[in-house]
Amino acid sequence: MEQRLQQLRDAGQRAVDFQLQYCQHDGSFIWDPQVRDAYHKQTLSWALACLLPQANRLVTWIRDNTLQPDGSLEAYRGDVYKLSWLFHGSHRIGRLDVSHPVIGFVLTQQAEAGGFPHFSGGDRLRALPTAWAAVAALSFGRPDVAERAARWCLTLLDQPEEGRYYYQTALDGSLITTKTDPNALFIDLNATEQPYWEIGLPWLLCCKLYQATGAAHWLQYAEEFFALHLRCAEDRFSHTGSGKSSLAAATHYTITRDRRARDAALSFCDYLLATQTDEGTWSVGGSDSLLTRIDAAAEFNVWLQEIAGLLGG
């Protein structure tokens, strides 16, 4: 197993090496003047690769150049999901001068129903930003925020249509389906290439709440999200959209020692090893743009390193 886990770490390092080509001399990570909101994952990615000087230089640049008085970031349009990424990275390396104001902004975005919009002021709550922001809040010592968000996520387990998982609600918590909006977003449990993270992050949140509180009901809810994920199509743990779910699976395994969860996490990692390009990154959704390749390299290194650490512990 150790040899297999080392392969994951090595693949992650190649992904980091690819990213580092685009570091700027002032510590920033804006390689294209037209792309000014794509440096939120780098701090965590580099920290997990033990590149603390580079991670700290980037956070210092953020603090001095793009961090706003309210804790948001210039050009990020109040993106709760992306700002939660930056919190995870900056808090992990102890940069409280950035993590504290950023999480302060994120916490103001929680709706009365418990969920979070993707963007500040949005009129829809979504699983992706809700669960990722809630994991951030839990790391910040706000289990109250995390539990309210998790309760919102639990409402998504009650779906009106067989084979569909809708993952947005109105601000009042009412589920948005195609009956109320023809463009409602959902996972088709019978189709491949789905946004599996909309199940995976609520699953991860429940695992984290169980770790933090020891309350058995959170583990039971984690099991329910796991069971739902297993109902998805055959690429549920072998698709570029499976990374967050695979981190949830690895976390689940550390709690339960359920080998199905371990094997699910490893299945995703094997997929990454098989599809990594010679330059060290991945194609996502058929896109080979530089933005996509840099973003994939940053995020997938996080999953590779985190999963290797969890399964090796």
C-alpha atoms as a PDB file:
ATOM      1  CA  MET A   1       0.000   0.000   0.000  1.00  0.00           C
ATOM      2  CA  GLU A   2       2.798   2.458   0.815  1.00  0.00           C
ATOM      3  CA  GLN A   3       4.238   2.151  -2.684  1.00  0.00           C
ATOM      4  CA  ARG A   4       0.810   2.863  -4.126  1.00  0.00           C
ATOM      5  CA  LEU A   5       0.344   5.901  -1.897  1.00  0.00           C
ATOM      6  CA  GLN A   6       3.771   7.211  -2.890  1.00  0.00           C
ATOM      7  CA  GLN A   7       2.624   7.134  -6.502  1.00  0.00           C
ATOM      8  CA  LEU A   8      -0.182   9.480  -5.517  1.00  0.00           C
ATOM      9  CA  ARG A   9       2.215  11.872  -3.810  1.00  0.00           C
ATOM     10  CA  ASP A  10       4.540  11.814  -6.807  1.00  0.00           C
ATOM     11  CA  ALA A  11       1.691  12.550  -9.217  1.00  0.00           C
ATOM     12  CA  GLY A  12       0.640  15.426  -6.998  1.00  0.00           C
ATOM     13  CA  GLN A  13       4.169  16.812  -7.010  1.00  0.00           C
ATOM     14  CA  ARG A  14       4.189  16.776 -10.819  1.00  0.00           C
ATOM     15  CA  ALA A  15       0.951  18.759 -10.730  1.00  0.00           C
ATOM     16  CA  VAL A  16       2.530  21.302  -8.390  1.00  0.00           C
ATOM     17  CA  ASP A  17       5.610  21.604 -10.583  1.00  0.00           C
ATOM     18  CA  PHE A  18       3.304  22.450 -13.475  1.00  0.00           C
ATOM     19  CA  GLN A  19       1.606  25.200 -11.456  1.00  0.00           C
ATOM     20  CA  LEU A  20       4.845  26.754 -10.272  1.00  0.00           C
ATOM     21  CA  GLN A  21       5.804  27.692 -13.828  1.00  0.00           C
ATOM     22  CA  TYR A  22       3.182  30.434 -13.638  1.00  0.00           C
ATOM     23  CA  CYS A  23       4.224  32.082 -10.378  1.00  0.00           C
ATOM     24  CA  GLN A  24       4.964  35.773 -10.828  1.00  0.00           C
ATOM     25  CA  HIS A  25       8.017  37.580  -9.485  1.00  0.00           C
ATOM     26  CA  ASP A  26       5.936  39.577  -6.995  1.00  0.00           C
ATOM     27  CA  GLY A  27       4.479  36.400  -5.471  1.00  0.00           C
ATOM     28  CA  SER A  28       1.163  36.666  -7.276  1.00  0.00           C
ATOM     29  CA  PHE A  29      -0.439  34.010  -9.429  1.00  0.00           C
ATOM     30  CA  ILE A  30      -2.089  36.051 -12.149  1.00  0.00           C
ATOM     31  CA  TRP A  31      -0.472  34.722 -15.321  1.00  0.00           C
ATOM     32  CA  ASP A  32      -3.110  36.276 -17.595  1.00  0.00           C
ATOM     33  CA  PRO A  33      -4.407  39.841 -17.025  1.00  0.00           C
ATOM     34  CA  GLN A  34      -7.848  38.630 -18.114  1.00  0.00           C
ATOM     35  CA  VAL A  35      -7.946  35.875 -15.466  1.00  0.00           C
ATOM     36  CA  ARG A  36      -7.921  37.536 -12.052  1.00  0.00           C
ATOM     37  CA  ASP A  37      -9.937  35.099  -9.943  1.00  0.00           C
ATOM     38  CA  ALA A  38      -8.033  31.825 -10.246  1.00  0.00           C
ATOM     39  CA  TYR A  39      -5.502  31.746  -7.406  1.00  0.00           C
ATOM     40  CA  HIS A  40      -7.760  30.548  -4.575  1.00  0.00           C
ATOM     41  CA  LYS A  41      -6.670  26.875  -4.653  1.00  0.00           C
ATOM     42  CA  GLN A  42      -2.926  27.376  -4.877  1.00  0.00           C
ATOM     43  CA  THR A  43      -2.217  28.070  -1.205  1.00  0.00           C
ATOM     44  CA  LEU A  44      -3.657  24.752  -0.040  1.00  0.00           C
ATOM     45  CA  SER A  45      -2.191  22.866  -2.986  1.00  0.00           C
ATOM     46  CA  TRP A  46       1.321  24.169  -2.369  1.00  0.00           C
ATOM     47  CA  ALA A  47       1.100  23.779   1.397  1.00  0.00           C
ATOM     48  CA  LEU A  48       0.266  20.095   1.007  1.00  0.00           C
ATOM     49  CA  ALA A  49       3.338  19.765  -1.201  1.00  0.00           C
ATOM     50  CA  CYS A  50       5.438  21.334   1.605  1.00  0.00           C
ATOM     51  CA  LEU A  51       6.070  24.494  -0.410  1.00  0.00           C
ATOM     52  CA  LEU A  52       5.387  26.900   2.435  1.00  0.00           C
ATOM     53  CA  PRO A  53       7.553  29.781   1.150  1.00  0.00           C
ATOM     54  CA  GLN A  54       5.609  29.924  -2.123  1.00  0.00           C
ATOM     55  CA  ALA A  55       2.285  29.566  -0.327  1.00  0.00           C
ATOM     56  CA  ASN A  56       3.148  32.348   2.107  1.00  0.00           C
ATOM     57  CA  ARG A  57       4.363  34.674  -0.643  1.00  0.00           C
ATOM     58  CA  LEU A  58       1.033  34.258  -2.423  1.00  0.00           C
ATOM     59  CA  VAL A  59      -0.973  34.907   0.744  1.00  0.00           C
ATOM     60  CA  THR A  60       1.109  38.007   1.486  1.00  0.00           C
ATOM     61  CA  TRP A  61       0.433  39.273  -2.032  1.00  0.00           C
ATOM     62  CA  ILE A  62      -3.291  38.635  -1.561  1.00  0.00           C
ATOM     63  CA  ARG A  63      -3.304  40.483   1.763  1.00  0.00           C
ATOM     64  CA  ASP A  64      -1.500  43.479   0.317  1.00  0.00           C
ATOM     65  CA  ASN A  65      -3.225  43.702  -3.060  1.00  0.00           C
ATOM     66  CA  THR A  66      -6.643  42.057  -3.432  1.00  0.00           C
ATOM     67  CA  LEU A  67      -8.103  41.482   0.050  1.00  0.00           C
ATOM     68  CA  GLN A  68     -10.995  43.892   0.570  1.00  0.00           C
ATOM     69  CA  PRO A  69     -12.030  45.548   3.855  1.00  0.00           C
ATOM     70  CA  ASP A  70     -15.066  43.259   4.131  1.00  0.00           C
ATOM     71  CA  GLY A  71     -12.965  40.101   3.672  1.00  0.00           C
ATOM     72  CA  SER A  72     -13.881  39.446   0.055  1.00  0.00           C
ATOM     73  CA  LEU A  73     -11.363  39.507  -2.803  1.00  0.00           C
ATOM     74  CA  GLU A  74     -11.101  41.920  -5.695  1.00  0.00           C
ATOM     75  CA  ALA A  75     -12.502  40.438  -8.926  1.00  0.00           C
ATOM     76  CA  TYR A  76     -13.975  37.393  -7.161  1.00  0.00           C
ATOM     77  CA  ARG A  77     -17.552  38.751  -7.137  1.00  0.00           C
ATOM     78  CA  GLY A  78     -18.221  37.400  -3.665  1.00  0.00           C
ATOM     79  CA  ASP A  79     -17.761  33.793  -4.771  1.00  0.00           C
ATOM     80  CA  VAL A  80     -18.425  31.865  -1.549  1.00  0.00           C
ATOM     81  CA  TYR A  81     -17.040  28.610  -2.923  1.00  0.00           C
ATOM     82  CA  LYS A  82     -13.743  30.104  -4.094  1.00  0.00           C
ATOM     83  CA  LEU A  83     -13.305  32.188  -0.954  1.00  0.00           C
ATOM     84  CA  SER A  84     -13.781  29.044   1.115  1.00  0.00           C
ATOM     85  CA  TRP A  85     -10.898  27.482  -0.804  1.00  0.00           C
ATOM     86  CA  LEU A  86      -8.693  30.428   0.113  1.00  0.00           C
ATOM     87  CA  PHE A  87      -9.720  30.123   3.751  1.00  0.00           C
ATOM     88  CA  HIS A  88      -8.806  26.431   3.823  1.00  0.00           C
ATOM     89  CA  GLY A  89      -5.352  27.150   2.418  1.00  0.00           C
ATOM     90  CA  SER A  90      -4.469  30.269   4.392  1.00  0.00           C
ATOM     91  CA  HIS A  91      -5.784  28.830   7.663  1.00  0.00           C
ATOM     92  CA  ARG A  92      -3.859  25.605   7.100  1.00  0.00           C
ATOM     93  CA  ILE A  93      -0.568  27.525   7.026  1.00  0.00           C
ATOM     94  CA  GLY A  94      -1.488  29.794   9.923  1.00  0.00           C
ATOM     95  CA  ARG A  95      -2.026  32.983   7.918  1.00  0.00           C
ATOM     96  CA  LEU A  96      -4.729  34.365  10.142  1.00  0.00           C
ATOM     97  CA  ASP A  97      -4.267  37.819   8.629  1.00  0.00           C
ATOM     98  CA  VAL A  98      -6.070  36.462   5.566  1.00  0.00           C
ATOM     99  CA  SER A  99      -8.056  33.476   6.819  1.00  0.00           C
ATOM    100  CA  HIS A 100      -9.890  35.446   9.517  1.00  0.00           C
ATOM    101  CA  PRO A 101     -11.201  38.275   7.312  1.00  0.00           C
ATOM    102  CA  VAL A 102     -12.077  35.840   4.509  1.00  0.00           C
ATOM    103  CA  ILE A 103     -14.103  33.532   6.747  1.00  0.00           C
ATOM    104  CA  GLY A 104     -15.683  36.605   8.286  1.00  0.00           C
ATOM    105  CA  PHE A 105     -17.066  37.528   4.874  1.00  0.00           C
ATOM    106  CA  VAL A 106     -18.128  33.960   4.097  1.00  0.00           C
ATOM    107  CA  LEU A 107     -20.073  33.638   7.351  1.00  0.00           C
ATOM    108  CA  THR A 108     -22.173  36.694   6.487  1.00  0.00           C
ATOM    109  CA  GLN A 109     -23.504  34.879   3.436  1.00  0.00           C
ATOM    110  CA  GLN A 110     -25.376  32.114   5.267  1.00  0.00           C
ATOM    111  CA  ALA A 111     -29.104  32.326   4.624  1.00  0.00           C
ATOM    112  CA  GLU A 112     -31.785  31.846   7.264  1.00  0.00           C
ATOM    113  CA  ALA A 113     -32.477  28.403   5.797  1.00  0.00           C
ATOM    114  CA  GLY A 114     -28.876  27.414   6.567  1.00  0.00           C
ATOM    115  CA  GLY A 115     -27.492  27.156   3.062  1.00  0.00           C
ATOM    116  CA  PHE A 116     -25.124  29.455   1.197  1.00  0.00           C
ATOM    117  CA  PRO A 117     -25.466  31.008  -2.265  1.00  0.00           C
ATOM    118  CA  HIS A 118     -22.666  30.494  -4.747  1.00  0.00           C
ATOM    119  CA  PHE A 119     -22.227  34.262  -5.064  1.00  0.00           C
ATOM    120  CA  SER A 120     -22.918  36.976  -2.520  1.00  0.00           C
ATOM    121  CA  GLY A 121     -26.467  38.240  -2.872  1.00  0.00           C
ATOM    122  CA  GLY A 122     -27.583  35.231  -4.899  1.00  0.00           C
ATOM    123  CA  ASP A 123     -31.199  34.102  -4.667  1.00  0.00           C
ATOM    124  CA  ARG A 124     -30.434  30.362  -4.697  1.00  0.00           C
ATOM    125  CA  LEU A 125     -28.668  28.153  -2.185  1.00  0.00           C
ATOM    126  CA  ARG A 126     -26.492  25.342  -3.491  1.00  0.00           C
ATOM    127  CA  ALA A 127     -24.781  22.268  -2.066  1.00  0.00           C
ATOM    128  CA  LEU A 128     -21.298  23.098  -3.428  1.00  0.00           C
ATOM    129  CA  PRO A 129     -20.729  26.439  -1.642  1.00  0.00           C
ATOM    130  CA  THR A 130     -22.840  25.457   1.362  1.00  0.00           C
ATOM    131  CA  ALA A 131     -20.890  22.359   2.340  1.00  0.00           C
ATOM    132  CA  TRP A 132     -17.443  23.762   1.496  1.00  0.00           C
ATOM    133  CA  ALA A 133     -18.139  26.945   3.462  1.00  0.00           C
ATOM    134  CA  ALA A 134     -19.486  24.852   6.339  1.00  0.00           C
ATOM    135  CA  VAL A 135     -16.335  22.727   6.499  1.00  0.00           C
ATOM    136  CA  ALA A 136     -14.412  26.007   6.612  1.00  0.00           C
ATOM    137  CA  ALA A 137     -16.639  27.302   9.405  1.00  0.00           C
ATOM    138  CA  LEU A 138     -16.099  24.105  11.378  1.00  0.00           C
ATOM    139  CA  SER A 139     -12.329  24.487  11.016  1.00  0.00           C
ATOM    140  CA  PHE A 140     -12.720  28.052  12.273  1.00  0.00           C
ATOM    141  CA  GLY A 141     -14.501  26.859  15.401  1.00  0.00           C
ATOM    142  CA  ARG A 142     -18.069  27.605  14.359  1.00  0.00           C
ATOM    143  CA  PRO A 143     -19.912  24.281  14.654  1.00  0.00           C
ATOM    144  CA  ASP A 144     -23.172  26.211  14.926  1.00  0.00           C
ATOM    145  CA  VAL A 145     -22.744  27.510  11.390  1.00  0.00           C
ATOM    146  CA  ALA A 146     -21.653  24.103  10.135  1.00  0.00           C
ATOM    147  CA  GLU A 147     -24.606  22.316  11.720  1.00  0.00           C
ATOM    148  CA  ARG A 148     -27.124  24.783  10.273  1.00  0.00           C
ATOM    149  CA  ALA A 149     -25.570  24.281   6.857  1.00  0.00           C
ATOM    150  CA  ALA A 150     -25.591  20.513   7.279  1.00  0.00           C
ATOM    151  CA  ARG A 151     -29.273  20.593   8.195  1.00  0.00           C
ATOM    152  CA  TRP A 152     -29.911  22.389   4.927  1.00  0.00           C
ATOM    153  CA  CYS A 153     -27.884  19.724   3.090  1.00  0.00           C
ATOM    154  CA  LEU A 154     -29.963  16.989   4.701  1.00  0.00           C
ATOM    155  CA  THR A 155     -33.092  18.361   3.052  1.00  0.00           C
ATOM    156  CA  LEU A 156     -31.536  17.344  -0.276  1.00  0.00           C
ATOM    157  CA  LEU A 157     -31.820  13.696   0.723  1.00  0.00           C
ATOM    158  CA  ASP A 158     -35.597  14.026   0.348  1.00  0.00           C
ATOM    159  CA  GLN A 159     -36.028  14.134  -3.412  1.00  0.00           C
ATOM    160  CA  PRO A 160     -39.370  14.205  -5.257  1.00  0.00           C
ATOM    161  CA  GLU A 161     -38.259  12.250  -8.345  1.00  0.00           C
ATOM    162  CA  GLU A 162     -36.644   8.843  -8.558  1.00  0.00           C
ATOM    163  CA  GLY A 163     -33.226   8.978 -10.220  1.00  0.00           C
ATOM    164  CA  ARG A 164     -32.698  12.708  -9.763  1.00  0.00           C
ATOM    165  CA  TYR A 165     -30.824  14.649  -7.105  1.00  0.00           C
ATOM    166  CA  TYR A 166     -31.676  18.351  -7.204  1.00  0.00           C
ATOM    167  CA  TYR A 167     -29.115  20.409  -5.321  1.00  0.00           C
ATOM    168  CA  GLN A 168     -30.402  23.977  -5.203  1.00  0.00           C
ATOM    169  CA  THR A 169     -33.096  25.603  -3.103  1.00  0.00           C
ATOM    170  CA  ALA A 170     -34.673  29.018  -2.878  1.00  0.00           C
ATOM    171  CA  LEU A 171     -33.607  31.256  -0.011  1.00  0.00           C
ATOM    172  CA  ASP A 172     -36.462  29.867   2.073  1.00  0.00           C
ATOM    173  CA  GLY A 173     -35.133  26.319   1.636  1.00  0.00           C
ATOM    174  CA  SER A 174     -37.722  25.089  -0.864  1.00  0.00           C
ATOM    175  CA  LEU A 175     -36.224  22.687  -3.409  1.00  0.00           C
ATOM    176  CA  ILE A 176     -35.878  23.992  -6.959  1.00  0.00           C
ATOM    177  CA  THR A 177     -36.971  21.349  -9.470  1.00  0.00           C
ATOM    178  CA  THR A 178     -37.858  21.378 -13.152  1.00  0.00           C
ATOM    179  CA  LYS A 179     -41.493  21.772 -12.140  1.00  0.00           C
ATOM    180  CA  THR A 180     -40.729  25.263 -10.860  1.00  0.00           C
ATOM    181  CA  ASP A 181     -37.764  26.061 -13.115  1.00  0.00           C
ATOM    182  CA  PRO A 182     -37.090  24.273 -16.431  1.00  0.00           C
ATOM    183  CA  ASN A 183     -33.377  24.992 -15.939  1.00  0.00           C
ATOM    184  CA  ALA A 184     -33.174  23.523 -12.433  1.00  0.00           C
ATOM    185  CA  LEU A 185     -29.850  21.807 -11.739  1.00  0.00           C
ATOM    186  CA  PHE A 186     -29.731  18.144 -10.810  1.00  0.00           C
ATOM    187  CA  ILE A 187     -27.611  15.006 -10.913  1.00  0.00           C
ATOM    188  CA  ASP A 188     -29.035  12.274 -13.112  1.00  0.00           C
ATOM    189  CA  LEU A 189     -28.194   9.155 -11.118  1.00  0.00           C
ATOM    190  CA  ASN A 190     -28.318   7.054 -14.284  1.00  0.00           C
ATOM    191  CA  ALA A 191     -26.002   9.209 -16.404  1.00  0.00           C
ATOM    192  CA  THR A 192     -22.220   9.504 -16.374  1.00  0.00           C
ATOM    193  CA  GLU A 193     -20.124  12.686 -16.126  1.00  0.00           C
ATOM    194  CA  GLN A 194     -22.263  14.280 -13.427  1.00  0.00           C
ATOM    195  CA  PRO A 195     -21.277  16.966 -10.865  1.00  0.00           C
ATOM    196  CA  TYR A 196     -20.735  14.382  -8.153  1.00  0.00           C
ATOM    197  CA  TRP A 197     -19.291  16.998  -5.808  1.00  0.00           C
ATOM    198  CA  GLU A 198     -22.833  18.155  -5.048  1.00  0.00           C
ATOM    199  CA  ILE A 199     -23.249  14.884  -3.133  1.00  0.00           C
ATOM    200  CA  GLY A 200     -19.624  14.493  -2.092  1.00  0.00           C
ATOM    201  CA  LEU A 201     -19.230  17.741  -0.182  1.00  0.00           C
ATOM    202  CA  PRO A 202     -22.346  17.279   1.989  1.00  0.00           C
ATOM    203  CA  TRP A 203     -21.036  13.769   2.686  1.00  0.00           C
ATOM    204  CA  LEU A 204     -17.665  15.214   3.707  1.00  0.00           C
ATOM    205  CA  LEU A 205     -19.366  17.800   5.913  1.00  0.00           C
ATOM    206  CA  CYS A 206     -21.272  15.107   7.805  1.00  0.00           C
ATOM    207  CA  CYS A 207     -18.044  13.158   8.315  1.00  0.00           C
ATOM    208  CA  LYS A 208     -16.324  16.267   9.646  1.00  0.00           C
ATOM    209  CA  LEU A 209     -19.188  17.032  12.001  1.00  0.00           C
ATOM    210  CA  TYR A 210     -19.021  13.501  13.352  1.00  0.00           C
ATOM    211  CA  GLN A 211     -15.279  13.905  13.921  1.00  0.00           C
ATOM    212  CA  ALA A 212     -15.821  17.237  15.659  1.00  0.00           C
ATOM    213  CA  THR A 213     -18.803  16.330  17.833  1.00  0.00           C
ATOM    214  CA  GLY A 214     -18.874  12.547  18.147  1.00  0.00           C
ATOM    215  CA  ALA A 215     -22.640  12.719  17.620  1.00  0.00           C
ATOM    216  CA  ALA A 216     -23.754   9.441  16.048  1.00  0.00           C
ATOM    217  CA  HIS A 217     -26.439  11.033  13.891  1.00  0.00           C
ATOM    218  CA  TRP A 218     -23.817  12.809  11.782  1.00  0.00           C
ATOM    219  CA  LEU A 219     -22.204   9.497  10.929  1.00  0.00           C
ATOM    220  CA  GLN A 220     -25.615   8.103  10.027  1.00  0.00           C
ATOM    221  CA  TYR A 221     -26.192  11.031   7.681  1.00  0.00           C
ATOM    222  CA  ALA A 222     -22.737  10.483   6.181  1.00  0.00           C
ATOM    223  CA  GLU A 223     -23.750   6.881   5.503  1.00  0.00           C
ATOM    224  CA  GLU A 224     -26.876   8.126   3.733  1.00  0.00           C
ATOM    225  CA  PHE A 225     -24.892  10.410   1.430  1.00  0.00           C
ATOM    226  CA  PHE A 226     -22.440   7.555   0.789  1.00  0.00           C
ATOM    227  CA  ALA A 227     -25.318   5.252  -0.140  1.00  0.00           C
ATOM    228  CA  LEU A 228     -26.711   7.931  -2.454  1.00  0.00           C
ATOM    229  CA  HIS A 229     -23.343   8.330  -4.129  1.00  0.00           C
ATOM    230  CA  LEU A 230     -23.122   4.583  -4.698  1.00  0.00           C
ATOM    231  CA  ARG A 231     -26.394   4.807  -6.628  1.00  0.00           C
ATOM    232  CA  CYS A 232     -24.794   7.103  -9.198  1.00  0.00           C
ATOM    233  CA  ALA A 233     -23.466   5.872 -12.552  1.00  0.00           C
ATOM    234  CA  GLU A 234     -20.381   3.731 -12.974  1.00  0.00           C
ATOM    235  CA  ASP A 235     -17.943   6.660 -13.195  1.00  0.00           C
ATOM    236  CA  ARG A 236     -19.001   8.001  -9.791  1.00  0.00           C
ATOM    237  CA  PHE A 237     -15.446   7.581  -8.483  1.00  0.00           C
ATOM    238  CA  SER A 238     -13.559   7.729 -11.780  1.00  0.00           C
ATOM    239  CA  HIS A 239     -14.371  11.118 -13.249  1.00  0.00           C
ATOM    240  CA  THR A 240     -12.808  14.544 -12.876  1.00  0.00           C
ATOM    241  CA  GLY A 241     -15.903  15.556 -10.897  1.00  0.00           C
ATOM    242  CA  SER A 242     -15.289  12.837  -8.298  1.00  0.00           C
ATOM    243  CA  GLY A 243     -12.445  14.425  -6.332  1.00  0.00           C
ATOM    244  CA  LYS A 244     -14.435  15.953  -3.493  1.00  0.00           C
ATOM    245  CA  SER A 245     -16.430  12.740  -3.159  1.00  0.00           C
ATOM    246  CA  SER A 246     -13.201  10.778  -2.987  1.00  0.00           C
ATOM    247  CA  LEU A 247     -11.898  12.938  -0.159  1.00  0.00           C
ATOM    248  CA  ALA A 248     -15.196  12.273   1.601  1.00  0.00           C
ATOM    249  CA  ALA A 249     -14.698   8.551   0.971  1.00  0.00           C
ATOM    250  CA  ALA A 250     -11.174   8.593   2.419  1.00  0.00           C
ATOM    251  CA  THR A 251     -12.397  10.530   5.454  1.00  0.00           C
ATOM    252  CA  HIS A 252     -15.286   8.094   5.844  1.00  0.00           C
ATOM    253  CA  TYR A 253     -12.823   5.213   5.783  1.00  0.00           C
ATOM    254  CA  THR A 254     -10.756   6.686   8.613  1.00  0.00           C
ATOM    255  CA  ILE A 255     -13.909   6.730  10.744  1.00  0.00           C
ATOM    256  CA  THR A 256     -15.559   3.431   9.814  1.00  0.00           C
ATOM    257  CA  ARG A 257     -12.846   1.299   8.171  1.00  0.00           C
ATOM    258  CA  ASP A 258     -15.428   0.509   5.504  1.00  0.00           C
ATOM    259  CA  ARG A 259     -13.326  -0.837   2.646  1.00  0.00           C
ATOM    260  CA  ARG A 260     -15.888   0.282   0.104  1.00  0.00           C
ATOM    261  CA  ALA A 261     -15.016   3.859   1.017  1.00  0.00           C
ATOM    262  CA  ARG A 262     -11.275   3.188   0.834  1.00  0.00           C
ATOM    263  CA  ASP A 263     -11.627   1.491  -2.536  1.00  0.00           C
ATOM    264  CA  ALA A 264     -13.738   4.373  -3.823  1.00  0.00           C
ATOM    265  CA  ALA A 265     -11.047   6.898  -2.907  1.00  0.00           C
ATOM    266  CA  LEU A 266      -8.345   4.763  -4.499  1.00  0.00           C
ATOM    267  CA  SER A 267     -10.435   4.308  -7.625  1.00  0.00           C
ATOM    268  CA  PHE A 268     -10.436   8.060  -8.171  1.00  0.00           C
ATOM    269  CA  CYS A 269      -6.709   8.294  -7.539  1.00  0.00           C
ATOM    270  CA  ASP A 270      -6.044   5.479 -10.006  1.00  0.00           C
ATOM    271  CA  TYR A 271      -8.108   7.415 -12.535  1.00  0.00           C
ATOM    272  CA  LEU A 272      -5.934  10.480 -11.982  1.00  0.00           C
ATOM    273  CA  LEU A 273      -2.746   8.450 -12.388  1.00  0.00           C
ATOM    274  CA  ALA A 274      -4.035   6.996 -15.650  1.00  0.00           C
ATOM    275  CA  THR A 275      -5.111  10.335 -17.133  1.00  0.00           C
ATOM    276  CA  GLN A 276      -2.378  12.733 -15.977  1.00  0.00           C
ATOM    277  CA  THR A 277      -0.698  14.371 -18.958  1.00  0.00           C
ATOM    278  CA  ASP A 278       3.020  14.536 -19.594  1.00  0.00           C
ATOM    279  CA  GLU A 279       3.075  18.151 -18.386  1.00  0.00           C
ATOM    280  CA  GLY A 280       1.590  17.057 -15.052  1.00  0.00           C
ATOM    281  CA  THR A 281      -2.030  18.145 -15.291  1.00  0.00           C
ATOM    282  CA  TRP A 282      -5.407  16.964 -16.593  1.00  0.00           C
ATOM    283  CA  SER A 283      -8.074  17.771 -19.148  1.00  0.00           C
ATOM    284  CA  VAL A 284     -11.458  18.535 -17.583  1.00  0.00           C
ATOM    285  CA  GLY A 285     -14.776  18.446 -19.390  1.00  0.00           C
ATOM    286  CA  GLY A 286     -13.042  18.308 -22.744  1.00  0.00           C
ATOM    287  CA  SER A 287     -11.279  21.618 -22.096  1.00  0.00           C
ATOM    288  CA  ASP A 288      -7.527  21.982 -22.479  1.00  0.00           C
ATOM    289  CA  SER A 289      -7.358  25.714 -21.783  1.00  0.00           C
ATOM    290  CA  LEU A 290      -4.510  26.913 -19.609  1.00  0.00           C
ATOM    291  CA  LEU A 291      -6.997  28.050 -16.954  1.00  0.00           C
ATOM    292  CA  THR A 292      -8.540  24.579 -16.822  1.00  0.00           C
ATOM    293  CA  ARG A 293      -5.173  22.847 -16.686  1.00  0.00           C
ATOM    294  CA  ILE A 294      -3.849  25.064 -13.888  1.00  0.00           C
ATOM    295  CA  ASP A 295      -7.054  24.735 -11.886  1.00  0.00           C
ATOM    296  CA  ALA A 296      -7.060  20.947 -12.290  1.00  0.00           C
ATOM    297  CA  ALA A 297      -3.414  20.697 -11.254  1.00  0.00           C
ATOM    298  CA  ALA A 298      -4.096  22.706  -8.098  1.00  0.00           C
ATOM    299  CA  GLU A 299      -7.223  20.861  -7.030  1.00  0.00           C
ATOM    300  CA  PHE A 300      -6.205  17.327  -7.939  1.00  0.00           C
ATOM    301  CA  ASN A 301      -2.933  17.647  -6.071  1.00  0.00           C
ATOM    302  CA  VAL A 302      -4.988  18.469  -2.975  1.00  0.00           C
ATOM    303  CA  TRP A 303      -7.049  15.294  -3.337  1.00  0.00           C
ATOM    304  CA  LEU A 304      -3.996  13.147  -4.083  1.00  0.00           C
ATOM    305  CA  GLN A 305      -2.048  14.410  -1.087  1.00  0.00           C
ATOM    306  CA  GLU A 306      -4.991  14.403   1.315  1.00  0.00           C
ATOM    307  CA  ILE A 307      -6.099  10.909   0.331  1.00  0.00           C
ATOM    308  CA  ALA A 308      -2.557   9.543   0.509  1.00  0.00           C
ATOM    309  CA  GLY A 309      -2.247  11.004   3.990  1.00  0.00           C
ATOM    310  CA  LEU A 310      -5.579   9.692   5.217  1.00  0.00           C
ATOM    311  CA  LEU A 311      -5.170   6.186   3.848  1.00  0.00           C
ATOM    312  CA  GLY A 312      -1.599   5.968   5.074  1.00  0.00           C
ATOM    313  CA  GLY A 313      -2.510   6.939   8.624  1.00  0.00           C
END
